[in-house]
Amino acid sequence: MKRRHALCACIFTGSAALTVLALWLGVWLRYPALNSADSVTIAFAVYGIGPEKAEAIVAERARGGEFRDWQDFEDRMAGKGIGPTLAGQVRKSMRMGASR
């Protein structure tokens, strides 16, 4: 909710504004899939996840393969700065997504 208000308060110009708005609307209108989302989508979708933690999620997914379920996500991300609270935020904001 806070992210939405902050984005609305900003004034953008040029194509960067359209890109950010399109990304924001895409995340807002549906839940992105954790197993296929890039770091920018994860950072926009989950309140409390910044670029560094989003990159850590993508790197862990690349290293260990797709996350099997939410417990697998929590277990693999526990030592990488994403504890139970942030894992809960990810669970609320994203869906696991089917394997490609």
Protein backbone atom coordinates (compact mmCIF):
# COMPACT_ATOMS: atom_id res chain seq x y z
CA MET A 1 0.00 0.00 0.00
CA LYS A 2 2.76 2.47 0.93
CA ARG A 3 4.64 1.70 -2.28
CA ARG A 4 1.55 2.59 -4.31
CA HIS A 5 1.17 5.98 -2.62
CA ALA A 6 4.86 6.78 -2.97
CA LEU A 7 4.77 5.94 -6.67
CA CYS A 8 1.67 8.06 -7.24
CA ALA A 9 3.31 11.00 -5.48
CA CYS A 10 6.31 10.93 -7.81
CA ILE A 11 6.39 12.86 -11.05
CA PHE A 12 8.06 11.06 -13.92
CA THR A 13 8.88 12.25 -17.40
CA GLY A 14 9.66 10.47 -20.64
CA SER A 15 9.70 6.75 -21.34
CA ALA A 16 11.13 5.88 -17.92
CA ALA A 17 7.83 6.98 -16.41
CA LEU A 18 5.87 4.71 -18.71
CA THR A 19 8.17 1.79 -17.98
CA VAL A 20 7.86 2.19 -14.22
CA LEU A 21 4.10 2.68 -14.43
CA ALA A 22 3.66 -0.40 -16.64
CA LEU A 23 5.78 -2.50 -14.29
CA TRP A 24 3.91 -1.22 -11.25
CA LEU A 25 0.52 -1.91 -12.81
CA GLY A 26 1.60 -5.37 -13.92
CA VAL A 27 2.67 -6.27 -10.40
CA TRP A 28 -0.36 -4.63 -8.83
CA LEU A 29 -2.95 -6.30 -11.09
CA ARG A 30 -1.71 -9.85 -10.60
CA TYR A 31 0.60 -11.83 -8.41
CA PRO A 32 3.88 -12.51 -10.21
CA ALA A 33 5.40 -15.99 -10.10
CA LEU A 34 8.42 -16.33 -7.82
CA ASN A 35 9.98 -19.05 -9.98
CA SER A 36 10.03 -16.90 -13.11
CA ALA A 37 10.20 -13.29 -11.89
CA ASP A 38 13.31 -11.18 -12.33
CA SER A 39 14.80 -9.18 -9.49
CA VAL A 40 13.08 -5.92 -10.49
CA THR A 41 9.66 -7.57 -10.41
CA ILE A 42 10.36 -9.16 -7.03
CA ALA A 43 11.55 -5.84 -5.57
CA PHE A 44 8.43 -4.05 -6.83
CA ALA A 45 6.03 -6.81 -5.78
CA VAL A 46 7.17 -7.35 -2.20
CA TYR A 47 7.18 -4.57 0.37
CA GLY A 48 10.44 -4.79 2.34
CA ILE A 49 12.46 -6.53 -0.36
CA GLY A 50 14.97 -4.23 -1.97
CA PRO A 51 17.24 -4.81 -4.97
CA GLU A 52 19.90 -6.70 -2.98
CA LYS A 53 17.51 -9.24 -1.47
CA ALA A 54 15.66 -9.61 -4.77
CA GLU A 55 19.00 -10.39 -6.46
CA ALA A 56 19.74 -12.93 -3.69
CA ILE A 57 16.44 -14.69 -4.43
CA VAL A 58 17.18 -14.83 -8.16
CA ALA A 59 20.76 -16.02 -7.50
CA GLU A 60 19.55 -18.78 -5.17
CA ARG A 61 16.98 -19.86 -7.74
CA ALA A 62 19.70 -19.99 -10.40
CA ARG A 63 22.05 -21.93 -8.09
CA GLY A 64 19.60 -24.46 -6.64
CA GLY A 65 16.85 -24.59 -9.23
CA GLU A 66 13.26 -23.51 -8.86
CA PHE A 67 11.72 -23.40 -5.41
CA ARG A 68 9.56 -26.50 -4.87
CA ASP A 69 7.21 -24.90 -2.33
CA TRP A 70 7.14 -22.14 0.28
CA GLN A 71 8.95 -24.24 2.86
CA ASP A 72 11.77 -24.86 0.38
CA PHE A 73 11.93 -21.10 -0.24
CA GLU A 74 12.16 -20.35 3.49
CA ASP A 75 14.80 -23.03 4.07
CA ARG A 76 17.03 -21.92 1.21
CA MET A 77 16.73 -18.18 1.93
CA ALA A 78 17.08 -18.38 5.74
CA GLY A 79 20.81 -17.56 5.75
CA LYS A 80 20.56 -14.88 3.08
CA GLY A 81 18.77 -12.12 4.98
CA ILE A 82 15.23 -13.34 4.41
CA GLY A 83 13.76 -14.65 7.64
CA PRO A 84 10.24 -15.79 8.46
CA THR A 85 8.76 -12.27 8.41
CA LEU A 86 10.06 -11.35 4.96
CA ALA A 87 9.28 -14.84 3.67
CA GLY A 88 5.69 -14.23 4.79
CA GLN A 89 5.67 -10.95 2.85
CA VAL A 90 6.87 -12.78 -0.25
CA ARG A 91 4.17 -15.43 0.23
CA LYS A 92 1.47 -12.73 0.48
CA SER A 93 2.68 -10.81 -2.57
CA MET A 94 3.67 -13.54 -5.03
CA ARG A 95 2.64 -16.98 -6.16
CA MET A 96 5.08 -19.86 -6.39
CA GLY A 97 4.51 -20.37 -10.10
CA ALA A 98 4.67 -23.49 -12.22
CA SER A 99 7.90 -24.94 -13.51
CA ARG A 100 8.82 -23.80 -16.97
